[in-house]
PDB file of N, CA and C in Angstrom:
ATOM      1  N   MET A   1      -5.132  11.932  40.656  1.00  0.00           N
ATOM      2  CA  MET A   1      -5.565  10.448  40.438  1.00  0.00           C
ATOM      3  C   MET A   1      -4.148   9.927  40.514  1.00  0.00           C
ATOM      4  N   ARG A   2      -4.015   8.944  41.252  1.00  0.00           N
ATOM      5  CA  ARG A   2      -2.593   7.754  41.305  1.00  0.00           C
ATOM      6  C   ARG A   2      -3.169   6.604  40.892  1.00  0.00           C
ATOM      7  N   ARG A   3      -2.360   6.194  40.072  1.00  0.00           N
ATOM      8  CA  ARG A   3      -2.459   4.859  39.489  1.00  0.00           C
ATOM      9  C   ARG A   3      -1.704   3.666  40.080  1.00  0.00           C
ATOM     10  N   ASP A   4      -2.194   2.682  40.543  1.00  0.00           N
ATOM     11  CA  ASP A   4      -1.455   1.720  41.195  1.00  0.00           C
ATOM     12  C   ASP A   4      -0.424   1.136  40.173  1.00  0.00           C
ATOM     13  N   ASN A   5       0.584   0.623  40.589  1.00  0.00           N
ATOM     14  CA  ASN A   5       1.667   0.165  39.703  1.00  0.00           C
ATOM     15  C   ASN A   5       1.553  -1.220  39.662  1.00  0.00           C
ATOM     16  N   ASP A   6       0.858  -1.638  38.483  1.00  0.00           N
ATOM     17  CA  ASP A   6       0.450  -3.087  38.085  1.00  0.00           C
ATOM     18  C   ASP A   6       1.124  -3.903  37.353  1.00  0.00           C
ATOM     19  N   PHE A   7       2.396  -3.152  36.710  1.00  0.00           N
ATOM     20  CA  PHE A   7       3.215  -3.759  35.587  1.00  0.00           C
ATOM     21  C   PHE A   7       3.295  -5.179  35.561  1.00  0.00           C
ATOM     22  N   GLU A   8       3.911  -5.694  36.937  1.00  0.00           N
ATOM     23  CA  GLU A   8       4.121  -7.051  36.814  1.00  0.00           C
ATOM     24  C   GLU A   8       2.915  -7.895  36.678  1.00  0.00           C
ATOM     25  N   GLN A   9       1.867  -7.643  37.213  1.00  0.00           N
ATOM     26  CA  GLN A   9       0.480  -8.230  36.865  1.00  0.00           C
ATOM     27  C   GLN A   9       0.261  -8.137  35.189  1.00  0.00           C
ATOM     28  N   ARG A  10       0.178  -7.026  34.761  1.00  0.00           N
ATOM     29  CA  ARG A  10      -0.125  -7.030  33.310  1.00  0.00           C
ATOM     30  C   ARG A  10       0.765  -7.526  32.513  1.00  0.00           C
ATOM     31  N   ARG A  11       2.095  -7.844  32.810  1.00  0.00           N
ATOM     32  CA  ARG A  11       2.958  -8.516  31.884  1.00  0.00           C
ATOM     33  C   ARG A  11       3.218  -9.815  31.877  1.00  0.00           C
ATOM     34  N   GLN A  12       2.593 -10.345  32.947  1.00  0.00           N
ATOM     35  CA  GLN A  12       2.585 -11.960  33.179  1.00  0.00           C
ATOM     36  C   GLN A  12       2.490 -12.963  31.680  1.00  0.00           C
ATOM     37  N   HIS A  13       1.748 -12.586  31.141  1.00  0.00           N
ATOM     38  CA  HIS A  13       1.496 -13.239  29.764  1.00  0.00           C
ATOM     39  C   HIS A  13       2.351 -13.358  28.651  1.00  0.00           C
ATOM     40  N   ILE A  14       3.486 -12.352  28.960  1.00  0.00           N
ATOM     41  CA  ILE A  14       4.474 -12.116  27.987  1.00  0.00           C
ATOM     42  C   ILE A  14       5.648 -12.338  28.926  1.00  0.00           C
ATOM     43  N   ALA A  15       5.885 -12.581  30.071  1.00  0.00           N
ATOM     44  CA  ALA A  15       7.027 -12.568  30.825  1.00  0.00           C
ATOM     45  C   ALA A  15       7.848 -13.460  30.424  1.00  0.00           C
ATOM     46  N   HIS A  16       7.489 -14.608  29.918  1.00  0.00           N
ATOM     47  CA  HIS A  16       8.372 -15.769  29.645  1.00  0.00           C
ATOM     48  C   HIS A  16       9.053 -15.666  28.232  1.00  0.00           C
ATOM     49  N   LEU A  17       8.404 -14.587  27.152  1.00  0.00           N
ATOM     50  CA  LEU A  17       8.809 -14.145  25.856  1.00  0.00           C
ATOM     51  C   LEU A  17      10.565 -13.948  25.985  1.00  0.00           C
ATOM     52  N   THR A  18      11.233 -14.215  24.641  1.00  0.00           N
ATOM     53  CA  THR A  18      12.626 -13.939  24.528  1.00  0.00           C
ATOM     54  C   THR A  18      12.203 -12.334  23.795  1.00  0.00           C
ATOM     55  N   ASP A  19      13.447 -11.795  23.531  1.00  0.00           N
ATOM     56  CA  ASP A  19      13.454 -10.670  22.831  1.00  0.00           C
ATOM     57  C   ASP A  19      12.582 -10.971  21.384  1.00  0.00           C
ATOM     58  N   GLN A  20      13.347 -11.626  20.905  1.00  0.00           N
ATOM     59  CA  GLN A  20      12.935 -11.902  19.507  1.00  0.00           C
ATOM     60  C   GLN A  20      11.261 -12.260  19.561  1.00  0.00           C
ATOM     61  N   GLU A  21      10.892 -13.182  20.484  1.00  0.00           N
ATOM     62  CA  GLU A  21       9.457 -13.614  20.578  1.00  0.00           C
ATOM     63  C   GLU A  21       8.621 -12.335  20.800  1.00  0.00           C
ATOM     64  N   LEU A  22       9.089 -11.286  21.667  1.00  0.00           N
ATOM     65  CA  LEU A  22       8.261 -10.410  21.855  1.00  0.00           C
ATOM     66  C   LEU A  22       8.162  -9.204  20.411  1.00  0.00           C
ATOM     67  N   TYR A  23       9.328  -9.625  19.934  1.00  0.00           N
ATOM     68  CA  TYR A  23       9.468  -8.410  18.503  1.00  0.00           C
ATOM     69  C   TYR A  23       8.411  -9.239  17.674  1.00  0.00           C
ATOM     70  N   ASP A  24       8.318 -10.767  17.291  1.00  0.00           N
ATOM     71  CA  ASP A  24       7.710 -11.317  16.456  1.00  0.00           C
ATOM     72  C   ASP A  24       6.197 -11.142  16.871  1.00  0.00           C
ATOM     73  N   ARG A  25       6.015 -11.146  18.313  1.00  0.00           N
ATOM     74  CA  ARG A  25       4.736 -10.820  18.760  1.00  0.00           C
ATOM     75  C   ARG A  25       4.022  -9.438  18.184  1.00  0.00           C
ATOM     76  N   PHE A  26       4.958  -8.371  18.588  1.00  0.00           N
ATOM     77  CA  PHE A  26       4.618  -7.129  18.110  1.00  0.00           C
ATOM     78  C   PHE A  26       4.198  -6.709  16.724  1.00  0.00           C
ATOM     79  N   TRP A  27       4.709  -7.575  15.924  1.00  0.00           N
ATOM     80  CA  TRP A  27       4.745  -7.356  14.576  1.00  0.00           C
ATOM     81  C   TRP A  27       3.244  -7.986  13.856  1.00  0.00           C
ATOM     82  N   GLU A  28       3.067  -9.372  14.673  1.00  0.00           N
ATOM     83  CA  GLU A  28       1.731 -10.010  15.002  1.00  0.00           C
ATOM     84  C   GLU A  28       0.632  -9.013  14.870  1.00  0.00           C
ATOM     85  N   LEU A  29       0.376  -8.580  15.952  1.00  0.00           N
ATOM     86  CA  LEU A  29      -0.496  -7.787  16.828  1.00  0.00           C
ATOM     87  C   LEU A  29      -0.894  -6.887  15.826  1.00  0.00           C
ATOM     88  N   THR A  30       0.381  -6.096  15.222  1.00  0.00           N
ATOM     89  CA  THR A  30       0.216  -4.614  14.478  1.00  0.00           C
ATOM     90  C   THR A  30      -0.216  -5.065  13.278  1.00  0.00           C
ATOM     91  N   ALA A  31      -0.091  -6.606  12.573  1.00  0.00           N
ATOM     92  CA  ALA A  31      -0.517  -6.840  11.546  1.00  0.00           C
ATOM     93  C   ALA A  31      -2.304  -6.848  11.770  1.00  0.00           C
ATOM     94  N   GLN A  32      -2.584  -7.474  12.905  1.00  0.00           N
ATOM     95  CA  GLN A  32      -4.106  -7.732  13.088  1.00  0.00           C
ATOM     96  C   GLN A  32      -4.555  -6.479  13.259  1.00  0.00           C
ATOM     97  N   VAL A  33      -3.839  -5.211  13.480  1.00  0.00           N
ATOM     98  CA  VAL A  33      -4.617  -4.262  13.492  1.00  0.00           C
ATOM     99  C   VAL A  33      -4.535  -3.202  11.864  1.00  0.00           C
ATOM    100  N   VAL A  34      -3.699  -3.659  11.440  1.00  0.00           N
ATOM    101  CA  VAL A  34      -3.581  -2.869  10.141  1.00  0.00           C
ATOM    102  C   VAL A  34      -4.255  -3.300   9.132  1.00  0.00           C
ATOM    103  N   ASP A  35      -3.962  -4.946   8.699  1.00  0.00           N
ATOM    104  CA  ASP A  35      -4.704  -5.823   7.947  1.00  0.00           C
ATOM    105  C   ASP A  35      -6.167  -5.687   7.513  1.00  0.00           C
ATOM    106  N   PRO A  36      -7.284  -5.276   8.551  1.00  0.00           N
ATOM    107  CA  PRO A  36      -8.503  -4.796   8.157  1.00  0.00           C
ATOM    108  C   PRO A  36      -8.561  -3.277   7.415  1.00  0.00           C
ATOM    109  N   LEU A  37      -7.709  -2.691   7.614  1.00  0.00           N
ATOM    110  CA  LEU A  37      -7.679  -0.958   7.499  1.00  0.00           C
ATOM    111  C   LEU A  37      -6.985  -1.307   5.856  1.00  0.00           C
ATOM    112  N   LEU A  38      -6.428  -2.214   5.613  1.00  0.00           N
ATOM    113  CA  LEU A  38      -5.549  -2.226   3.966  1.00  0.00           C
ATOM    114  C   LEU A  38      -6.894  -2.988   3.220  1.00  0.00           C
ATOM    115  N   GLU A  39      -7.475  -3.804   3.949  1.00  0.00           N
ATOM    116  CA  GLU A  39      -8.574  -4.742   3.212  1.00  0.00           C
ATOM    117  C   GLU A  39      -9.706  -3.734   2.904  1.00  0.00           C
ATOM    118  N   LEU A  40     -10.009  -2.880   4.004  1.00  0.00           N
ATOM    119  CA  LEU A  40     -10.851  -1.551   3.384  1.00  0.00           C
ATOM    120  C   LEU A  40     -10.730  -0.926   2.400  1.00  0.00           C
ATOM    121  N   GLY A  41      -9.543  -0.511   2.598  1.00  0.00           N
ATOM    122  CA  GLY A  41      -8.879   0.414   1.002  1.00  0.00           C
ATOM    123  C   GLY A  41      -8.805  -0.580  -0.045  1.00  0.00           C
ATOM    124  N   ARG A  42      -8.490  -1.541   0.013  1.00  0.00           N
ATOM    125  CA  ARG A  42      -8.476  -2.358  -1.275  1.00  0.00           C
ATOM    126  C   ARG A  42     -10.184  -2.645  -2.111  1.00  0.00           C
ATOM    127  N   LYS A  43     -11.055  -2.610  -0.824  1.00  0.00           N
ATOM    128  CA  LYS A  43     -12.239  -2.953  -1.496  1.00  0.00           C
ATOM    129  C   LYS A  43     -13.087  -1.729  -1.627  1.00  0.00           C
ATOM    130  N   ASN A  44     -12.510  -0.643  -1.116  1.00  0.00           N
ATOM    131  CA  ASN A  44     -13.439   0.551  -0.955  1.00  0.00           C
ATOM    132  C   ASN A  44     -13.271   1.810  -1.906  1.00  0.00           C
ATOM    133  N   THR A  45     -11.826   1.449  -2.704  1.00  0.00           N
ATOM    134  CA  THR A  45     -11.484   2.621  -3.320  1.00  0.00           C
ATOM    135  C   THR A  45     -12.283   2.906  -4.457  1.00  0.00           C
ATOM    136  N   THR A  46     -12.040   4.218  -5.171  1.00  0.00           N
ATOM    137  CA  THR A  46     -13.051   4.553  -5.994  1.00  0.00           C
ATOM    138  C   THR A  46     -12.205   5.143  -7.376  1.00  0.00           C
ATOM    139  N   PRO A  47     -12.561   5.046  -8.315  1.00  0.00           N
ATOM    140  CA  PRO A  47     -11.677   6.045  -9.520  1.00  0.00           C
ATOM    141  C   PRO A  47     -11.357   7.384  -9.144  1.00  0.00           C
ATOM    142  N   SER A  48     -12.395   8.076  -8.407  1.00  0.00           N
ATOM    143  CA  SER A  48     -12.048   9.244  -7.799  1.00  0.00           C
ATOM    144  C   SER A  48     -11.196   9.870  -6.848  1.00  0.00           C
ATOM    145  N   VAL A  49     -10.956   8.449  -5.985  1.00  0.00           N
ATOM    146  CA  VAL A  49      -9.830   8.484  -5.073  1.00  0.00           C
ATOM    147  C   VAL A  49      -8.685   8.381  -5.589  1.00  0.00           C
ATOM    148  N   GLU A  50      -8.432   7.554  -6.535  1.00  0.00           N
ATOM    149  CA  GLU A  50      -7.369   6.892  -6.901  1.00  0.00           C
ATOM    150  C   GLU A  50      -6.913   8.211  -8.001  1.00  0.00           C
ATOM    151  N   ARG A  51      -7.676   8.825  -8.663  1.00  0.00           N
ATOM    152  CA  ARG A  51      -7.052  10.219  -9.206  1.00  0.00           C
ATOM    153  C   ARG A  51      -6.767  11.242  -8.193  1.00  0.00           C
ATOM    154  N   ALA A  52      -7.278  11.240  -7.333  1.00  0.00           N
ATOM    155  CA  ALA A  52      -6.899  12.247  -6.324  1.00  0.00           C
ATOM    156  C   ALA A  52      -5.672  12.274  -5.835  1.00  0.00           C
ATOM    157  N   VAL A  53      -5.486  10.594  -5.438  1.00  0.00           N
ATOM    158  CA  VAL A  53      -3.932  10.115  -5.024  1.00  0.00           C
ATOM    159  C   VAL A  53      -2.796  10.409  -6.142  1.00  0.00           C
ATOM    160  N   LEU A  54      -3.219  10.260  -7.431  1.00  0.00           N
ATOM    161  CA  LEU A  54      -2.268  10.434  -8.270  1.00  0.00           C
ATOM    162  C   LEU A  54      -1.980  12.034  -8.538  1.00  0.00           C
ATOM    163  N   LEU A  55      -2.823  12.612  -8.316  1.00  0.00           N
ATOM    164  CA  LEU A  55      -2.387  14.310  -8.426  1.00  0.00           C
ATOM    165  C   LEU A  55      -1.738  14.812  -7.481  1.00  0.00           C
ATOM    166  N   ARG A  56      -2.024  14.221  -6.379  1.00  0.00           N
ATOM    167  CA  ARG A  56      -0.944  14.451  -4.909  1.00  0.00           C
ATOM    168  C   ARG A  56       0.367  13.915  -5.123  1.00  0.00           C
ATOM    169  N   MET A  57       0.611  13.114  -6.048  1.00  0.00           N
ATOM    170  CA  MET A  57       1.883  12.499  -6.286  1.00  0.00           C
ATOM    171  C   MET A  57       2.506  13.128  -7.532  1.00  0.00           C
ATOM    172  N   GLY A  58       1.675  14.328  -8.050  1.00  0.00           N
ATOM    173  CA  GLY A  58       2.492  15.209  -8.866  1.00  0.00           C
ATOM    174  C   GLY A  58       2.001  14.700 -10.550  1.00  0.00           C
ATOM    175  N   VAL A  59       1.020  13.649 -10.496  1.00  0.00           N
ATOM    176  CA  VAL A  59       0.670  13.033 -11.785  1.00  0.00           C
ATOM    177  C   VAL A  59      -0.237  14.341 -12.709  1.00  0.00           C
ATOM    178  N   SER A  60       0.082  14.319 -13.805  1.00  0.00           N
ATOM    179  CA  SER A  60      -0.529  15.418 -14.572  1.00  0.00           C
ATOM    180  C   SER A  60      -2.128  15.014 -14.568  1.00  0.00           C
ATOM    181  N   SER A  61      -2.933  16.109 -14.549  1.00  0.00           N
ATOM    182  CA  SER A  61      -4.403  15.805 -14.502  1.00  0.00           C
ATOM    183  C   SER A  61      -4.917  15.278 -15.987  1.00  0.00           C
ATOM    184  N   LEU A  62      -4.180  15.150 -16.853  1.00  0.00           N
ATOM    185  CA  LEU A  62      -4.664  14.750 -17.916  1.00  0.00           C
ATOM    186  C   LEU A  62      -4.197  13.125 -17.782  1.00  0.00           C
ATOM    187  N   ASP A  63      -3.203  12.900 -17.323  1.00  0.00           N
ATOM    188  CA  ASP A  63      -2.821  11.539 -17.276  1.00  0.00           C
ATOM    189  C   ASP A  63      -3.296  10.555 -16.160  1.00  0.00           C
ATOM    190  N   THR A  64      -4.178  11.110 -15.325  1.00  0.00           N
ATOM    191  CA  THR A  64      -4.722  10.634 -14.128  1.00  0.00           C
ATOM    192  C   THR A  64      -5.572   9.608 -14.463  1.00  0.00           C
ATOM    193  N   GLN A  65      -6.689  10.075 -15.319  1.00  0.00           N
ATOM    194  CA  GLN A  65      -7.892   9.470 -15.895  1.00  0.00           C
ATOM    195  C   GLN A  65      -7.275   7.899 -16.830  1.00  0.00           C
ATOM    196  N   LYS A  66      -6.249   8.178 -17.402  1.00  0.00           N
ATOM    197  CA  LYS A  66      -5.742   7.126 -18.429  1.00  0.00           C
ATOM    198  C   LYS A  66      -5.067   6.046 -17.528  1.00  0.00           C
ATOM    199  N   ILE A  67      -4.205   6.320 -16.571  1.00  0.00           N
ATOM    200  CA  ILE A  67      -3.716   5.619 -15.501  1.00  0.00           C
ATOM    201  C   ILE A  67      -4.727   4.543 -14.936  1.00  0.00           C
ATOM    202  N   VAL A  68      -5.816   5.477 -14.117  1.00  0.00           N
ATOM    203  CA  VAL A  68      -6.982   4.777 -13.670  1.00  0.00           C
ATOM    204  C   VAL A  68      -7.536   3.643 -14.286  1.00  0.00           C
ATOM    205  N   GLU A  69      -7.795   4.265 -15.712  1.00  0.00           N
ATOM    206  CA  GLU A  69      -8.619   2.992 -16.444  1.00  0.00           C
ATOM    207  C   GLU A  69      -7.708   2.083 -16.704  1.00  0.00           C
ATOM    208  N   GLY A  70      -6.580   2.354 -16.916  1.00  0.00           N
ATOM    209  CA  GLY A  70      -5.494   1.244 -17.125  1.00  0.00           C
ATOM    210  C   GLY A  70      -5.536  -0.017 -16.024  1.00  0.00           C
ATOM    211  N   CYS A  71      -5.550   0.688 -14.818  1.00  0.00           N
ATOM    212  CA  CYS A  71      -5.451  -0.353 -13.377  1.00  0.00           C
ATOM    213  C   CYS A  71      -6.884  -0.888 -13.542  1.00  0.00           C
ATOM    214  N   MET A  72      -8.029  -0.333 -13.512  1.00  0.00           N
ATOM    215  CA  MET A  72      -9.236  -0.750 -13.797  1.00  0.00           C
ATOM    216  C   MET A  72      -9.309  -1.856 -14.844  1.00  0.00           C
ATOM    217  N   ASP A  73      -8.842  -1.628 -15.966  1.00  0.00           N
ATOM    218  CA  ASP A  73      -8.604  -2.888 -16.907  1.00  0.00           C
ATOM    219  C   ASP A  73      -7.970  -3.864 -16.592  1.00  0.00           C
ATOM    220  N   ARG A  74      -7.057  -3.680 -15.780  1.00  0.00           N
ATOM    221  CA  ARG A  74      -6.049  -4.927 -15.689  1.00  0.00           C
ATOM    222  C   ARG A  74      -6.048  -5.375 -13.984  1.00  0.00           C
ATOM    223  N   GLY A  75      -7.202  -5.022 -13.573  1.00  0.00           N
ATOM    224  CA  GLY A  75      -7.628  -5.550 -12.210  1.00  0.00           C
ATOM    225  C   GLY A  75      -6.618  -5.181 -11.300  1.00  0.00           C
ATOM    226  N   LEU A  76      -6.163  -3.878 -11.247  1.00  0.00           N
ATOM    227  CA  LEU A  76      -4.829  -3.457 -10.321  1.00  0.00           C
ATOM    228  C   LEU A  76      -5.445  -2.158  -9.394  1.00  0.00           C
ATOM    229  N   MET A  77      -6.573  -1.982  -9.341  1.00  0.00           N
ATOM    230  CA  MET A  77      -7.086  -1.128  -8.897  1.00  0.00           C
ATOM    231  C   MET A  77      -7.002  -1.354  -7.181  1.00  0.00           C
ATOM    232  N   GLY A  78      -7.145  -2.627  -6.662  1.00  0.00           N
ATOM    233  CA  GLY A  78      -7.325  -2.944  -5.373  1.00  0.00           C
ATOM    234  C   GLY A  78      -5.846  -2.662  -4.816  1.00  0.00           C
ATOM    235  N   HIS A  79      -4.728  -2.410  -5.311  1.00  0.00           N
ATOM    236  CA  HIS A  79      -3.261  -2.140  -5.077  1.00  0.00           C
ATOM    237  C   HIS A  79      -3.171  -0.785  -4.959  1.00  0.00           C
ATOM    238  N   GLY A  80      -4.117  -0.102  -5.938  1.00  0.00           N
ATOM    239  CA  GLY A  80      -4.084   1.293  -5.784  1.00  0.00           C
ATOM    240  C   GLY A  80      -3.205   2.079  -6.897  1.00  0.00           C
ATOM    241  N   ALA A  81      -3.799   2.957  -7.665  1.00  0.00           N
ATOM    242  CA  ALA A  81      -3.111   3.602  -8.519  1.00  0.00           C
ATOM    243  C   ALA A  81      -1.802   4.152  -8.591  1.00  0.00           C
ATOM    244  N   GLY A  82      -1.755   4.787  -7.491  1.00  0.00           N
ATOM    245  CA  GLY A  82      -0.353   5.374  -6.897  1.00  0.00           C
ATOM    246  C   GLY A  82       0.724   4.471  -6.818  1.00  0.00           C
ATOM    247  N   HIS A  83       0.316   3.311  -6.121  1.00  0.00           N
ATOM    248  CA  HIS A  83       1.268   2.158  -5.989  1.00  0.00           C
ATOM    249  C   HIS A  83       1.655   1.612  -7.074  1.00  0.00           C
ATOM    250  N   VAL A  84       0.653   1.646  -8.255  1.00  0.00           N
ATOM    251  CA  VAL A  84       1.290   1.194  -9.422  1.00  0.00           C
ATOM    252  C   VAL A  84       2.222   2.158  -9.982  1.00  0.00           C
ATOM    253  N   VAL A  85       1.992   3.221  -9.984  1.00  0.00           N
ATOM    254  CA  VAL A  85       3.114   4.407 -10.507  1.00  0.00           C
ATOM    255  C   VAL A  85       4.384   3.982  -9.843  1.00  0.00           C
ATOM    256  N   TYR A  86       3.959   3.970  -8.641  1.00  0.00           N
ATOM    257  CA  TYR A  86       5.401   4.111  -7.586  1.00  0.00           C
ATOM    258  C   TYR A  86       6.383   2.555  -7.993  1.00  0.00           C
ATOM    259  N   LYS A  87       5.473   1.587  -7.979  1.00  0.00           N
ATOM    260  CA  LYS A  87       6.413   0.391  -8.238  1.00  0.00           C
ATOM    261  C   LYS A  87       6.999   0.265  -9.449  1.00  0.00           C
ATOM    262  N   VAL A  88       5.959   0.952 -10.429  1.00  0.00           N
ATOM    263  CA  VAL A  88       6.821   0.825 -12.087  1.00  0.00           C
ATOM    264  C   VAL A  88       7.986   1.731 -12.147  1.00  0.00           C
ATOM    265  N   SER A  89       8.086   2.842 -11.431  1.00  0.00           N
ATOM    266  CA  SER A  89       9.099   3.881 -11.110  1.00  0.00           C
ATOM    267  C   SER A  89      10.297   3.118 -10.664  1.00  0.00           C
ATOM    268  N   GLN A  90       9.995   2.398  -9.573  1.00  0.00           N
ATOM    269  CA  GLN A  90      11.115   1.888  -8.812  1.00  0.00           C
ATOM    270  C   GLN A  90      11.845   0.574  -9.834  1.00  0.00           C
ATOM    271  N   ASP A  91      11.005  -0.320 -10.388  1.00  0.00           N
ATOM    272  CA  ASP A  91      11.179  -1.164 -11.236  1.00  0.00           C
ATOM    273  C   ASP A  91      11.877  -0.813 -12.441  1.00  0.00           C
ATOM    274  N   LYS A  92      11.558   0.444 -13.067  1.00  0.00           N
ATOM    275  CA  LYS A  92      12.588   0.934 -13.988  1.00  0.00           C
ATOM    276  C   LYS A  92      13.566   1.976 -13.859  1.00  0.00           C
ATOM    277  N   GLY A  93      13.621   2.269 -12.760  1.00  0.00           N
ATOM    278  CA  GLY A  93      14.524   3.116 -12.043  1.00  0.00           C
ATOM    279  C   GLY A  93      14.802   4.546 -12.809  1.00  0.00           C
ATOM    280  N   ILE A  94      13.277   5.124 -12.833  1.00  0.00           N
ATOM    281  CA  ILE A  94      12.888   6.375 -13.474  1.00  0.00           C
ATOM    282  C   ILE A  94      12.194   6.991 -12.306  1.00  0.00           C
ATOM    283  N   SER A  95      11.536   8.583 -12.652  1.00  0.00           N
ATOM    284  CA  SER A  95      11.085   9.174 -11.761  1.00  0.00           C
ATOM    285  C   SER A  95       9.524   8.883 -11.657  1.00  0.00           C
ATOM    286  N   ILE A  96       8.536   9.290 -10.494  1.00  0.00           N
ATOM    287  CA  ILE A  96       7.244   8.589 -10.472  1.00  0.00           C
ATOM    288  C   ILE A  96       6.770   9.420 -11.650  1.00  0.00           C
ATOM    289  N   ARG A  97       7.289  10.754 -11.958  1.00  0.00           N
ATOM    290  CA  ARG A  97       6.655  11.461 -13.521  1.00  0.00           C
ATOM    291  C   ARG A  97       6.711  10.710 -14.619  1.00  0.00           C
ATOM    292  N   GLU A  98       7.841  10.316 -14.691  1.00  0.00           N
ATOM    293  CA  GLU A  98       8.374   9.401 -16.104  1.00  0.00           C
ATOM    294  C   GLU A  98       7.472   8.217 -15.967  1.00  0.00           C
ATOM    295  N   ALA A  99       7.287   7.665 -14.959  1.00  0.00           N
ATOM    296  CA  ALA A  99       6.533   6.454 -15.010  1.00  0.00           C
ATOM    297  C   ALA A  99       5.074   6.780 -15.231  1.00  0.00           C
ATOM    298  N   SER A 100       4.568   7.734 -14.522  1.00  0.00           N
ATOM    299  CA  SER A 100       3.128   7.991 -14.966  1.00  0.00           C
ATOM    300  C   SER A 100       2.906   8.257 -16.625  1.00  0.00           C
ATOM    301  N   ILE A 101       3.902   9.192 -17.102  1.00  0.00           N
ATOM    302  CA  ILE A 101       3.893   9.719 -18.391  1.00  0.00           C
ATOM    303  C   ILE A 101       3.788   8.044 -19.161  1.00  0.00           C
ATOM    304  N   LYS A 102       4.721   7.330 -19.239  1.00  0.00           N
ATOM    305  CA  LYS A 102       4.665   6.122 -19.696  1.00  0.00           C
ATOM    306  C   LYS A 102       3.441   5.455 -19.805  1.00  0.00           C
ATOM    307  N   LEU A 103       2.987   5.220 -18.409  1.00  0.00           N
ATOM    308  CA  LEU A 103       1.661   4.138 -18.052  1.00  0.00           C
ATOM    309  C   LEU A 103       0.697   5.060 -19.072  1.00  0.00           C
ATOM    310  N   ALA A 104       0.572   6.435 -18.996  1.00  0.00           N
ATOM    311  CA  ALA A 104      -0.665   6.767 -19.624  1.00  0.00           C
ATOM    312  C   ALA A 104      -0.569   6.869 -21.280  1.00  0.00           C
ATOM    313  N   GLU A 105       0.714   6.706 -21.618  1.00  0.00           N
ATOM    314  CA  GLU A 105       0.981   6.611 -22.953  1.00  0.00           C
ATOM    315  C   GLU A 105       0.734   5.105 -23.725  1.00  0.00           C
ATOM    316  N   GLY A 106       0.500   4.126 -22.389  1.00  0.00           N
ATOM    317  CA  GLY A 106       0.072   2.811 -22.748  1.00  0.00           C
ATOM    318  C   GLY A 106       1.455   1.923 -22.495  1.00  0.00           C
ATOM    319  N   GLU A 107       2.466   2.363 -22.025  1.00  0.00           N
ATOM    320  CA  GLU A 107       3.631   1.484 -21.877  1.00  0.00           C
ATOM    321  C   GLU A 107       3.640   0.877 -20.470  1.00  0.00           C
ATOM    322  N   TYR A 108       4.461   0.093 -20.452  1.00  0.00           N
ATOM    323  CA  TYR A 108       4.796  -0.610 -19.133  1.00  0.00           C
ATOM    324  C   TYR A 108       3.896  -1.386 -18.373  1.00  0.00           C
ATOM    325  N   TRP A 109       2.489  -1.403 -19.058  1.00  0.00           N
ATOM    326  CA  TRP A 109       1.413  -2.238 -18.135  1.00  0.00           C
ATOM    327  C   TRP A 109       1.687  -3.331 -17.973  1.00  0.00           C
ATOM    328  N   ASP A 110       2.412  -4.059 -18.891  1.00  0.00           N
ATOM    329  CA  ASP A 110       2.628  -5.721 -18.985  1.00  0.00           C
ATOM    330  C   ASP A 110       3.491  -5.686 -17.909  1.00  0.00           C
ATOM    331  N   ASP A 111       4.475  -4.831 -17.355  1.00  0.00           N
ATOM    332  CA  ASP A 111       5.343  -4.900 -16.582  1.00  0.00           C
ATOM    333  C   ASP A 111       4.679  -4.461 -15.271  1.00  0.00           C
ATOM    334  N   ALA A 112       3.528  -3.618 -15.062  1.00  0.00           N
ATOM    335  CA  ALA A 112       3.132  -3.151 -13.753  1.00  0.00           C
ATOM    336  C   ALA A 112       2.091  -4.510 -13.452  1.00  0.00           C
ATOM    337  N   VAL A 113       1.453  -5.213 -14.481  1.00  0.00           N
ATOM    338  CA  VAL A 113       0.709  -6.493 -13.843  1.00  0.00           C
ATOM    339  C   VAL A 113       1.673  -7.438 -13.390  1.00  0.00           C
ATOM    340  N   ALA A 114       2.730  -7.944 -13.921  1.00  0.00           N
ATOM    341  CA  ALA A 114       4.050  -8.470 -13.689  1.00  0.00           C
ATOM    342  C   ALA A 114       4.696  -8.224 -12.171  1.00  0.00           C
ATOM    343  N   LEU A 115       4.548  -6.985 -11.520  1.00  0.00           N
ATOM    344  CA  LEU A 115       5.073  -6.847 -10.413  1.00  0.00           C
ATOM    345  C   LEU A 115       4.207  -6.939  -9.442  1.00  0.00           C
ATOM    346  N   PHE A 116       2.705  -7.316  -9.686  1.00  0.00           N
ATOM    347  CA  PHE A 116       1.389  -7.257  -8.785  1.00  0.00           C
ATOM    348  C   PHE A 116       1.372  -8.666  -8.814  1.00  0.00           C
ATOM    349  N   LYS A 117       1.878  -9.483  -9.547  1.00  0.00           N
ATOM    350  CA  LYS A 117       1.265 -10.934  -9.918  1.00  0.00           C
ATOM    351  C   LYS A 117       1.475 -11.695  -8.425  1.00  0.00           C
ATOM    352  N   GLY A 118       0.437 -12.542  -7.885  1.00  0.00           N
ATOM    353  CA  GLY A 118       0.784 -12.860  -6.472  1.00  0.00           C
ATOM    354  C   GLY A 118       0.356 -12.193  -5.387  1.00  0.00           C
ATOM    355  N   GLY A 119      -0.214 -10.915  -5.456  1.00  0.00           N
ATOM    356  CA  GLY A 119      -0.706 -10.388  -4.547  1.00  0.00           C
ATOM    357  C   GLY A 119       0.152  -9.559  -3.918  1.00  0.00           C
ATOM    358  N   LYS A 120       1.472  -9.057  -4.523  1.00  0.00           N
ATOM    359  CA  LYS A 120       2.458  -8.188  -3.719  1.00  0.00           C
ATOM    360  C   LYS A 120       2.092  -7.081  -3.607  1.00  0.00           C
TER     361      LYS A 120
END
């Protein structure tokens, strides 16, 4: 099967754009595709899913429940428990394992909430 070369026809709606405008348009379209997927993840996660994510990050099975409960109590589940642990580890300059232990022990929760304030 031979395909006609219709490149010039198909690109007419973007032919006038500069490289920067094309770059911006690419990311705008990418966001239109990805944003609904992220929203689904925020609205449809479960404690079970979040514990599974934490386990795959190397968090102790004993600590996963405490971290997930901490996220639920503070309204952070929509961000993902693994994301919370990751952000705390980055903020404190410690490993993910250390951050998970501290969160399971009840530490750093105020910092975690502050890190996600404003929907970050």
